[in-house]
C-alpha atoms as a PDB file:
ATOM      1  CA  MET A   1     -39.041  49.095  20.892  1.00  0.00           C
ATOM      2  CA  ARG A   2     -37.293  46.540  18.670  1.00  0.00           C
ATOM      3  CA  LYS A   3     -39.268  43.735  20.167  1.00  0.00           C
ATOM      4  CA  ALA A   4     -42.519  45.574  19.389  1.00  0.00           C
ATOM      5  CA  PHE A   5     -41.499  46.022  15.736  1.00  0.00           C
ATOM      6  CA  VAL A   6     -40.658  42.238  15.476  1.00  0.00           C
ATOM      7  CA  LEU A   7     -43.940  41.367  17.141  1.00  0.00           C
ATOM      8  CA  ALA A   8     -45.843  43.780  14.803  1.00  0.00           C
ATOM      9  CA  GLY A   9     -44.150  42.173  11.705  1.00  0.00           C
ATOM     10  CA  LEU A  10     -45.061  38.659  12.898  1.00  0.00           C
ATOM     11  CA  LEU A  11     -48.695  39.670  13.521  1.00  0.00           C
ATOM     12  CA  LEU A  12     -48.838  41.189  10.159  1.00  0.00           C
ATOM     13  CA  THR A  13     -47.584  37.947   8.544  1.00  0.00           C
ATOM     14  CA  LEU A  14     -49.999  35.872  10.554  1.00  0.00           C
ATOM     15  CA  PHE A  15     -52.977  38.050   9.929  1.00  0.00           C
ATOM     16  CA  ALA A  16     -52.537  38.766   6.314  1.00  0.00           C
ATOM     17  CA  THR A  17     -51.697  35.294   5.180  1.00  0.00           C
ATOM     18  CA  GLN A  18     -53.299  32.993   7.716  1.00  0.00           C
ATOM     19  CA  ALA A  19     -56.409  34.180   9.593  1.00  0.00           C
ATOM     20  CA  PRO A  20     -58.633  34.881   6.576  1.00  0.00           C
ATOM     21  CA  ALA A  21     -57.599  31.523   4.912  1.00  0.00           C
ATOM     22  CA  GLN A  22     -58.164  29.555   8.114  1.00  0.00           C
ATOM     23  CA  LEU A  23     -61.664  30.847   8.942  1.00  0.00           C
ATOM     24  CA  HIS A  24     -63.147  27.857   7.183  1.00  0.00           C
ATOM     25  CA  TYR A  25     -62.104  24.389   5.989  1.00  0.00           C
ATOM     26  CA  ASP A  26     -62.766  25.319   2.399  1.00  0.00           C
ATOM     27  CA  PRO A  27     -60.319  27.570   0.745  1.00  0.00           C
ATOM     28  CA  TYR A  28     -62.747  28.199  -2.158  1.00  0.00           C
ATOM     29  CA  PHE A  29     -66.243  29.475  -2.526  1.00  0.00           C
ATOM     30  CA  ALA A  30     -68.385  26.295  -3.003  1.00  0.00           C
ATOM     31  CA  LEU A  31     -72.049  25.874  -1.850  1.00  0.00           C
ATOM     32  CA  PRO A  32     -73.056  22.407  -0.511  1.00  0.00           C
ATOM     33  CA  ALA A  33     -73.329  19.721  -3.240  1.00  0.00           C
ATOM     34  CA  MET A  34     -75.804  16.908  -3.656  1.00  0.00           C
ATOM     35  CA  ALA A  35     -76.088  14.205  -0.965  1.00  0.00           C
ATOM     36  CA  ALA A  36     -73.143  11.784  -0.883  1.00  0.00           C
ATOM     37  CA  SER A  37     -70.906  13.990  -3.012  1.00  0.00           C
ATOM     38  CA  LYS A  38     -67.250  13.972  -1.964  1.00  0.00           C
ATOM     39  CA  GLY A  39     -64.444  16.373  -2.680  1.00  0.00           C
ATOM     40  CA  ALA A  40     -60.799  16.636  -1.802  1.00  0.00           C
ATOM     41  CA  LEU A  41     -57.926  19.043  -2.667  1.00  0.00           C
ATOM     42  CA  ALA A  42     -54.242  19.607  -2.132  1.00  0.00           C
ATOM     43  CA  GLY A  43     -52.709  22.984  -2.563  1.00  0.00           C
ATOM     44  CA  LEU A  44     -50.080  25.575  -1.850  1.00  0.00           C
ATOM     45  CA  ASP A  45     -50.447  29.206  -0.570  1.00  0.00           C
ATOM     46  CA  CYS A  46     -47.388  31.505  -0.536  1.00  0.00           C
ATOM     47  CA  ALA A  47     -47.595  35.265   0.337  1.00  0.00           C
ATOM     48  CA  ASP A  48     -44.131  35.985  -1.203  1.00  0.00           C
ATOM     49  CA  LEU A  49     -43.217  34.353  -4.519  1.00  0.00           C
ATOM     50  CA  SER A  50     -39.618  35.236  -3.985  1.00  0.00           C
ATOM     51  CA  SER A  51     -39.458  33.022  -0.898  1.00  0.00           C
ATOM     52  CA  LEU A  52     -41.500  30.152  -2.241  1.00  0.00           C
ATOM     53  CA  GLY A  53     -39.530  27.454  -0.360  1.00  0.00           C
ATOM     54  CA  ASP A  54     -39.448  29.304   2.966  1.00  0.00           C
ATOM     55  CA  VAL A  55     -42.974  30.869   3.621  1.00  0.00           C
ATOM     56  CA  SER A  56     -45.346  28.524   1.789  1.00  0.00           C
ATOM     57  CA  ASP A  57     -48.208  26.677   3.453  1.00  0.00           C
ATOM     58  CA  LEU A  58     -49.311  23.308   2.159  1.00  0.00           C
ATOM     59  CA  PHE A  59     -52.893  22.423   2.704  1.00  0.00           C
ATOM     60  CA  GLY A  60     -55.244  19.428   2.158  1.00  0.00           C
ATOM     61  CA  MET A  61     -59.010  19.422   2.434  1.00  0.00           C
ATOM     62  CA  ALA A  62     -61.727  16.852   2.302  1.00  0.00           C
ATOM     63  CA  ARG A  63     -65.476  17.296   2.404  1.00  0.00           C
ATOM     64  CA  TYR A  64     -68.629  15.119   2.265  1.00  0.00           C
ATOM     65  CA  SER A  65     -72.275  16.002   1.749  1.00  0.00           C
ATOM     66  CA  LEU A  66     -74.528  14.310   4.277  1.00  0.00           C
ATOM     67  CA  THR A  67     -77.670  15.622   2.591  1.00  0.00           C
ATOM     68  CA  ASP A  68     -78.400  18.060  -0.258  1.00  0.00           C
ATOM     69  CA  GLN A  69     -78.130  20.851   2.336  1.00  0.00           C
ATOM     70  CA  ILE A  70     -75.451  19.680   4.848  1.00  0.00           C
ATOM     71  CA  GLU A  71     -71.886  19.368   4.054  1.00  0.00           C
ATOM     72  CA  VAL A  72     -69.014  18.676   6.666  1.00  0.00           C
ATOM     73  CA  GLY A  73     -65.290  18.844   6.021  1.00  0.00           C
ATOM     74  CA  ALA A  74     -61.868  19.234   7.400  1.00  0.00           C
ATOM     75  CA  ARG A  75     -58.648  20.975   6.470  1.00  0.00           C
ATOM     76  CA  LEU A  76     -55.012  20.291   7.377  1.00  0.00           C
ATOM     77  CA  THR A  77     -52.370  23.036   6.897  1.00  0.00           C
ATOM     78  CA  SER A  78     -48.659  22.038   6.997  1.00  0.00           C
ATOM     79  CA  GLY A  79     -45.664  24.277   7.442  1.00  0.00           C
ATOM     80  CA  LEU A  80     -43.245  21.837   5.818  1.00  0.00           C
ATOM     81  CA  LEU A  81     -42.251  24.708   3.415  1.00  0.00           C
ATOM     82  CA  ASN A  82     -42.702  27.486   5.916  1.00  0.00           C
ATOM     83  CA  ASP A  83     -39.918  28.376   8.343  1.00  0.00           C
ATOM     84  CA  PHE A  84     -42.310  30.038  10.741  1.00  0.00           C
ATOM     85  CA  ARG A  85     -44.794  27.074  11.088  1.00  0.00           C
ATOM     86  CA  ASP A  86     -44.720  23.569  12.452  1.00  0.00           C
ATOM     87  CA  THR A  87     -44.855  20.700  10.006  1.00  0.00           C
ATOM     88  CA  PHE A  88     -48.326  19.837  11.580  1.00  0.00           C
ATOM     89  CA  SER A  89     -49.565  23.436  11.560  1.00  0.00           C
ATOM     90  CA  THR A  90     -53.355  23.734  11.936  1.00  0.00           C
ATOM     91  CA  VAL A  91     -56.591  21.670  11.685  1.00  0.00           C
ATOM     92  CA  VAL A  92     -59.955  23.228  10.881  1.00  0.00           C
ATOM     93  CA  ILE A  93     -63.181  21.223  10.946  1.00  0.00           C
ATOM     94  CA  GLY A  94     -66.681  22.489  10.107  1.00  0.00           C
ATOM     95  CA  GLY A  95     -69.712  22.487   7.930  1.00  0.00           C
ATOM     96  CA  LYS A  96     -72.136  24.294   5.591  1.00  0.00           C
ATOM     97  CA  TYR A  97     -75.914  24.398   5.694  1.00  0.00           C
ATOM     98  CA  GLY A  98     -77.704  25.361   2.444  1.00  0.00           C
ATOM     99  CA  LEU A  99     -80.527  27.840   2.838  1.00  0.00           C
ATOM    100  CA  THR A 100     -81.429  28.088  -0.790  1.00  0.00           C
ATOM    101  CA  PRO A 101     -79.710  26.850  -3.955  1.00  0.00           C
ATOM    102  CA  GLN A 102     -77.799  30.169  -3.982  1.00  0.00           C
ATOM    103  CA  SER A 103     -76.932  30.600  -0.279  1.00  0.00           C
ATOM    104  CA  ALA A 104     -75.613  28.851   2.832  1.00  0.00           C
ATOM    105  CA  VAL A 105     -74.437  29.481   6.384  1.00  0.00           C
ATOM    106  CA  THR A 106     -71.030  28.122   7.392  1.00  0.00           C
ATOM    107  CA  ALA A 107     -69.243  27.368  10.634  1.00  0.00           C
ATOM    108  CA  ALA A 108     -65.814  26.081  11.412  1.00  0.00           C
ATOM    109  CA  PHE A 109     -63.639  25.277  14.456  1.00  0.00           C
ATOM    110  CA  LEU A 110     -59.872  25.701  14.692  1.00  0.00           C
ATOM    111  CA  LEU A 111     -58.513  22.916  16.942  1.00  0.00           C
ATOM    112  CA  PRO A 112     -55.904  23.955  19.581  1.00  0.00           C
ATOM    113  CA  ILE A 113     -53.230  21.838  18.180  1.00  0.00           C
ATOM    114  CA  GLY A 114     -50.041  22.396  16.132  1.00  0.00           C
ATOM    115  CA  ASP A 115     -49.370  26.158  15.831  1.00  0.00           C
ATOM    116  CA  ALA A 116     -52.810  27.032  17.238  1.00  0.00           C
ATOM    117  CA  GLU A 117     -52.391  27.211  21.041  1.00  0.00           C
ATOM    118  CA  ASP A 118     -56.029  28.221  21.502  1.00  0.00           C
ATOM    119  CA  PRO A 119     -59.286  27.227  19.832  1.00  0.00           C
ATOM    120  CA  GLY A 120     -61.064  29.452  17.296  1.00  0.00           C
ATOM    121  CA  LEU A 121     -64.616  29.501  16.128  1.00  0.00           C
ATOM    122  CA  SER A 122     -65.952  31.155  12.820  1.00  0.00           C
ATOM    123  CA  VAL A 123     -69.404  31.667  11.446  1.00  0.00           C
ATOM    124  CA  GLY A 124     -70.277  32.912   7.978  1.00  0.00           C
ATOM    125  CA  TYR A 125     -72.911  33.502   5.299  1.00  0.00           C
ATOM    126  CA  MET A 126     -72.318  32.766   1.590  1.00  0.00           C
ATOM    127  CA  GLN A 127     -74.383  33.901  -1.409  1.00  0.00           C
ATOM    128  CA  THR A 128     -74.039  33.730  -5.174  1.00  0.00           C
ATOM    129  CA  PHE A 129     -75.731  36.221  -7.468  1.00  0.00           C
ATOM    130  CA  PRO A 130     -76.319  35.162 -11.054  1.00  0.00           C
ATOM    131  CA  TYR A 131     -75.636  38.126 -13.337  1.00  0.00           C
ATOM    132  CA  GLN A 132     -75.631  36.700 -16.771  1.00  0.00           C
ATOM    133  CA  ASP A 133     -75.470  33.241 -18.450  1.00  0.00           C
ATOM    134  CA  LYS A 134     -71.703  32.979 -17.899  1.00  0.00           C
ATOM    135  CA  ILE A 135     -71.211  35.475 -15.071  1.00  0.00           C
ATOM    136  CA  GLN A 136     -72.120  35.362 -11.433  1.00  0.00           C
ATOM    137  CA  ILE A 137     -70.784  37.106  -8.272  1.00  0.00           C
ATOM    138  CA  ASN A 138     -70.046  35.182  -5.089  1.00  0.00           C
ATOM    139  CA  GLY A 139     -69.974  36.768  -1.652  1.00  0.00           C
ATOM    140  CA  TRP A 140     -68.868  35.282   1.642  1.00  0.00           C
ATOM    141  CA  ALA A 141     -68.756  37.150   4.995  1.00  0.00           C
ATOM    142  CA  ARG A 142     -67.183  35.530   7.922  1.00  0.00           C
ATOM    143  CA  ALA A 143     -66.411  36.395  11.574  1.00  0.00           C
ATOM    144  CA  GLY A 144     -63.831  34.744  13.747  1.00  0.00           C
ATOM    145  CA  PHE A 145     -64.031  34.432  17.619  1.00  0.00           C
ATOM    146  CA  LEU A 146     -62.046  33.106  20.501  1.00  0.00           C
ATOM    147  CA  LYS A 147     -58.331  33.515  20.884  1.00  0.00           C
ATOM    148  CA  GLY A 148     -57.424  31.004  18.142  1.00  0.00           C
ATOM    149  CA  TYR A 149     -58.631  33.723  15.684  1.00  0.00           C
ATOM    150  CA  ALA A 150     -58.558  36.966  17.610  1.00  0.00           C
ATOM    151  CA  TYR A 151     -56.792  37.677  20.825  1.00  0.00           C
ATOM    152  CA  LYS A 152     -58.858  40.912  20.997  1.00  0.00           C
ATOM    153  CA  GLY A 153     -62.118  41.861  19.322  1.00  0.00           C
ATOM    154  CA  VAL A 154     -63.568  39.736  16.332  1.00  0.00           C
ATOM    155  CA  VAL A 155     -61.859  39.052  13.131  1.00  0.00           C
ATOM    156  CA  LEU A 156     -63.963  40.084  10.102  1.00  0.00           C
ATOM    157  CA  ASP A 157     -63.416  38.609   6.704  1.00  0.00           C
ATOM    158  CA  LEU A 158     -65.210  39.437   3.330  1.00  0.00           C
ATOM    159  CA  LEU A 159     -64.853  37.703  -0.083  1.00  0.00           C
ATOM    160  CA  VAL A 160     -66.421  39.388  -3.062  1.00  0.00           C
ATOM    161  CA  GLU A 161     -65.734  37.284  -6.255  1.00  0.00           C
ATOM    162  CA  PRO A 162     -66.985  37.901  -9.773  1.00  0.00           C
ATOM    163  CA  THR A 163     -66.638  34.824 -11.888  1.00  0.00           C
ATOM    164  CA  MET A 164     -66.999  34.081 -15.594  1.00  0.00           C
ATOM    165  CA  ALA A 165     -67.101  30.789 -17.503  1.00  0.00           C
ATOM    166  CA  ILE A 166     -64.699  31.461 -20.423  1.00  0.00           C
ATOM    167  CA  ASN A 167     -65.259  28.050 -22.054  1.00  0.00           C
ATOM    168  CA  PRO A 168     -66.274  24.523 -20.907  1.00  0.00           C
ATOM    169  CA  GLN A 169     -62.810  23.964 -19.529  1.00  0.00           C
ATOM    170  CA  ILE A 170     -61.802  27.367 -18.047  1.00  0.00           C
ATOM    171  CA  THR A 171     -63.439  29.558 -15.517  1.00  0.00           C
ATOM    172  CA  GLY A 172     -61.976  32.888 -14.326  1.00  0.00           C
ATOM    173  CA  PHE A 173     -62.278  34.485 -10.856  1.00  0.00           C
ATOM    174  CA  LEU A 174     -61.346  37.959  -9.621  1.00  0.00           C
ATOM    175  CA  ALA A 175     -61.515  37.627  -5.839  1.00  0.00           C
ATOM    176  CA  LEU A 176     -61.325  40.717  -3.629  1.00  0.00           C
ATOM    177  CA  LEU A 177     -60.437  39.825   0.006  1.00  0.00           C
ATOM    178  CA  ALA A 178     -60.916  42.256   2.922  1.00  0.00           C
ATOM    179  CA  HIS A 179     -60.083  41.451   6.451  1.00  0.00           C
ATOM    180  CA  THR A 180     -59.965  43.425   9.648  1.00  0.00           C
ATOM    181  CA  ASN A 181     -60.671  43.241  13.510  1.00  0.00           C
ATOM    182  CA  THR A 182     -63.351  44.930  15.513  1.00  0.00           C
ATOM    183  CA  ASP A 183     -60.686  46.072  18.051  1.00  0.00           C
ATOM    184  CA  ASN A 184     -59.751  48.817  15.577  1.00  0.00           C
ATOM    185  CA  ILE A 185     -61.176  48.304  12.105  1.00  0.00           C
ATOM    186  CA  GLY A 186     -58.941  50.890  10.423  1.00  0.00           C
ATOM    187  CA  ASP A 187     -55.602  49.806  11.879  1.00  0.00           C
ATOM    188  CA  TRP A 188     -56.246  46.185  11.128  1.00  0.00           C
ATOM    189  CA  LEU A 189     -57.557  46.574   7.618  1.00  0.00           C
ATOM    190  CA  GLY A 190     -56.062  44.737   4.737  1.00  0.00           C
ATOM    191  CA  ILE A 191     -57.481  44.451   1.188  1.00  0.00           C
ATOM    192  CA  ASP A 192     -56.068  41.898  -1.274  1.00  0.00           C
ATOM    193  CA  LEU A 193     -56.745  40.742  -4.783  1.00  0.00           C
ATOM    194  CA  TRP A 194     -56.694  37.111  -6.007  1.00  0.00           C
ATOM    195  CA  PRO A 195     -57.186  36.669  -9.677  1.00  0.00           C
ATOM    196  CA  ASN A 196     -57.265  32.915 -10.447  1.00  0.00           C
ATOM    197  CA  ILE A 197     -58.597  30.411 -12.941  1.00  0.00           C
ATOM    198  CA  ASP A 198     -59.952  26.916 -12.870  1.00  0.00           C
ATOM    199  CA  TYR A 199     -58.937  24.550 -15.549  1.00  0.00           C
ATOM    200  CA  LYS A 200     -60.884  21.325 -15.892  1.00  0.00           C
ATOM    201  CA  LEU A 201     -58.689  18.473 -16.772  1.00  0.00           C
ATOM    202  CA  LYS A 202     -61.508  16.032 -16.825  1.00  0.00           C
ATOM    203  CA  GLU A 203     -65.019  15.806 -15.439  1.00  0.00           C
ATOM    204  CA  ASN A 204     -64.014  15.456 -11.863  1.00  0.00           C
ATOM    205  CA  VAL A 205     -60.470  16.902 -11.722  1.00  0.00           C
ATOM    206  CA  THR A 206     -59.741  20.647 -11.778  1.00  0.00           C
ATOM    207  CA  ILE A 207     -56.491  22.647 -11.420  1.00  0.00           C
ATOM    208  CA  ASN A 208     -56.748  26.088  -9.813  1.00  0.00           C
ATOM    209  CA  ALA A 209     -53.966  28.670 -10.069  1.00  0.00           C
ATOM    210  CA  GLY A 210     -53.664  32.378  -9.388  1.00  0.00           C
ATOM    211  CA  ILE A 211     -51.630  35.137  -7.865  1.00  0.00           C
ATOM    212  CA  THR A 212     -52.234  37.216  -4.757  1.00  0.00           C
ATOM    213  CA  LEU A 213     -51.412  40.901  -4.172  1.00  0.00           C
ATOM    214  CA  GLY A 214     -52.084  43.585  -1.627  1.00  0.00           C
ATOM    215  CA  LEU A 215     -54.266  46.622  -2.596  1.00  0.00           C
ATOM    216  CA  ALA A 216     -54.773  48.775   0.552  1.00  0.00           C
ATOM    217  CA  GLY A 217     -54.619  48.883   4.253  1.00  0.00           C
ATOM    218  CA  ASP A 218     -51.821  48.446   6.785  1.00  0.00           C
ATOM    219  CA  PHE A 219     -52.424  44.653   6.856  1.00  0.00           C
ATOM    220  CA  LYS A 220     -52.501  44.017   3.124  1.00  0.00           C
ATOM    221  CA  GLN A 221     -50.220  41.457   1.653  1.00  0.00           C
ATOM    222  CA  ASN A 222     -46.847  43.051   1.132  1.00  0.00           C
ATOM    223  CA  ASP A 223     -45.400  40.903  -1.741  1.00  0.00           C
ATOM    224  CA  LEU A 224     -46.672  39.190  -4.860  1.00  0.00           C
ATOM    225  CA  GLY A 225     -47.868  35.673  -3.783  1.00  0.00           C
ATOM    226  CA  VAL A 226     -49.150  32.658  -5.568  1.00  0.00           C
ATOM    227  CA  ARG A 227     -51.967  30.107  -4.603  1.00  0.00           C
ATOM    228  CA  GLY A 228     -53.101  26.996  -6.336  1.00  0.00           C
ATOM    229  CA  ALA A 229     -54.601  23.627  -5.792  1.00  0.00           C
ATOM    230  CA  TRP A 230     -55.402  20.151  -7.419  1.00  0.00           C
ATOM    231  CA  ILE A 231     -59.246  19.648  -6.831  1.00  0.00           C
ATOM    232  CA  VAL A 232     -61.209  16.309  -7.216  1.00  0.00           C
ATOM    233  CA  ASN A 233     -64.924  16.164  -6.870  1.00  0.00           C
ATOM    234  CA  LEU A 234     -66.872  12.930  -6.929  1.00  0.00           C
ATOM    235  CA  LYS A 235     -70.631  12.405  -6.993  1.00  0.00           C
END
């Protein structure tokens, strides 16, 4: 019985903090950019602010637009500050294909290296809905397959993100994150909130920072967390 509780706790930590974030190489909602555009970022994701040096994931991502519609990218996650991860934790590669200026399909592959003993495959659809001059709503639905993402069933992940341009330098986001598994949707459900802001330091450099917290479901985030990144975009 004790082993069952320990395993459940580990699965909770893995699912609530890792699976949704790893279903694509890009940790942020961003449609494909113009051909030859390049982007990179380095960031930190911690699901428990009180244990910042013990359960934080460090990640780095690079992407490149082959055409105006096609983007490819890769993401490396490190457990250097996470006692439950390898220093070289996971690698995700993938791409986006723009359907319209406001929508795209996405795909990603979790390589079976590091902490990932099995491969994972995800597919998704992203859409942005302009609401007013300074407000839009981003939506991104994803499904994760194979044992790298879901030992049973299919992992389902949904991002709904209202965003507002506050001024030329600051943009605010209020991301609602829902994740579950088709094996038992109610038992695996977790709904988290991620309020965050972009602060543009200069034309091609942005800092993102925000907090994460659980709202509902057995697999919601249990503690107050923090997430942020240094983002560089080149055209």
